[in-house]
Amino acid sequence: MNEKAQLYINRINLQPHPQGGYFSEVYRSDKTLKKEFLPEHYDGDRNFSTSIYFLLEGEQTSKFH
């Protein structure tokens, strides 16, 4: 593993992302959109917004949207 990537992974506690790379959630809104106001394919309420740190190391690829 790249030494600099490992430094960031350790420093901000990044975890492996199931679709490739590493991530850590840094913000989650306390306000939500209720399921009843969302399209049918949503199975529950959703937060207004979230934010993450995301890291790809070197030649890693990701299917993250």
Protein backbone atom coordinates (compact mmCIF):
# COMPACT_ATOMS: atom_id res chain seq x y z
CA MET A 1 0.00 0.00 0.00
CA ASN A 2 1.14 3.54 -0.76
CA GLU A 3 2.66 5.10 2.38
CA LYS A 4 0.86 8.43 1.91
CA ALA A 5 -2.50 6.70 1.35
CA GLN A 6 -1.96 4.65 4.52
CA LEU A 7 -1.26 7.87 6.43
CA TYR A 8 -4.67 9.32 5.42
CA ILE A 9 -6.47 6.02 5.97
CA ASN A 10 -5.14 5.90 9.53
CA ARG A 11 -5.41 9.61 10.33
CA ILE A 12 -9.09 10.04 9.38
CA ASN A 13 -10.15 6.46 10.08
CA LEU A 14 -11.10 5.56 6.51
CA GLN A 15 -12.82 2.20 6.06
CA PRO A 16 -12.91 0.02 2.92
CA HIS A 17 -15.87 0.96 0.71
CA PRO A 18 -17.82 -2.03 -0.70
CA GLN A 19 -17.55 -0.56 -4.22
CA GLY A 20 -13.82 0.17 -4.02
CA GLY A 21 -11.62 2.73 -2.28
CA TYR A 22 -11.87 3.95 1.30
CA PHE A 23 -14.32 6.30 3.00
CA SER A 24 -15.39 7.96 6.24
CA GLU A 25 -18.65 9.80 6.85
CA VAL A 26 -17.99 13.30 8.20
CA TYR A 27 -21.48 14.81 8.20
CA ARG A 28 -25.09 13.64 8.33
CA SER A 29 -27.96 16.14 8.42
CA ASP A 30 -30.29 15.73 11.37
CA LYS A 31 -33.23 16.62 9.11
CA THR A 32 -34.90 13.95 6.99
CA LEU A 33 -37.21 13.51 4.04
CA LYS A 34 -40.05 11.15 4.92
CA LYS A 35 -40.51 8.01 2.82
CA GLU A 36 -44.01 9.11 1.86
CA PHE A 37 -42.56 12.08 -0.07
CA LEU A 38 -39.89 10.06 -1.91
CA PRO A 39 -40.15 7.92 -5.07
CA GLU A 40 -41.48 4.39 -4.52
CA HIS A 41 -38.08 2.65 -4.76
CA TYR A 42 -36.93 4.18 -1.43
CA ASP A 43 -37.52 1.86 1.50
CA GLY A 44 -37.36 4.47 4.27
CA ASP A 45 -36.70 8.05 5.29
CA ARG A 46 -33.54 9.75 3.96
CA ASN A 47 -31.33 12.44 5.45
CA PHE A 48 -31.33 15.79 3.63
CA SER A 49 -27.59 15.45 3.06
CA THR A 50 -24.44 13.58 4.01
CA SER A 51 -20.77 14.14 3.32
CA ILE A 52 -17.84 11.73 3.20
CA TYR A 53 -14.10 11.65 2.66
CA PHE A 54 -13.29 9.22 -0.16
CA LEU A 55 -9.88 7.97 -1.26
CA LEU A 56 -8.72 5.86 -4.18
CA GLU A 57 -5.15 4.62 -3.94
CA GLY A 58 -3.00 4.52 -7.07
CA GLU A 59 -4.58 2.30 -9.69
CA GLN A 60 -7.67 1.41 -7.62
CA THR A 61 -10.99 1.73 -9.38
CA SER A 62 -14.43 2.27 -7.92
CA LYS A 63 -18.03 1.83 -9.00
CA PHE A 64 -19.00 4.48 -6.45
CA HIS A 65 -21.51 6.92 -7.95
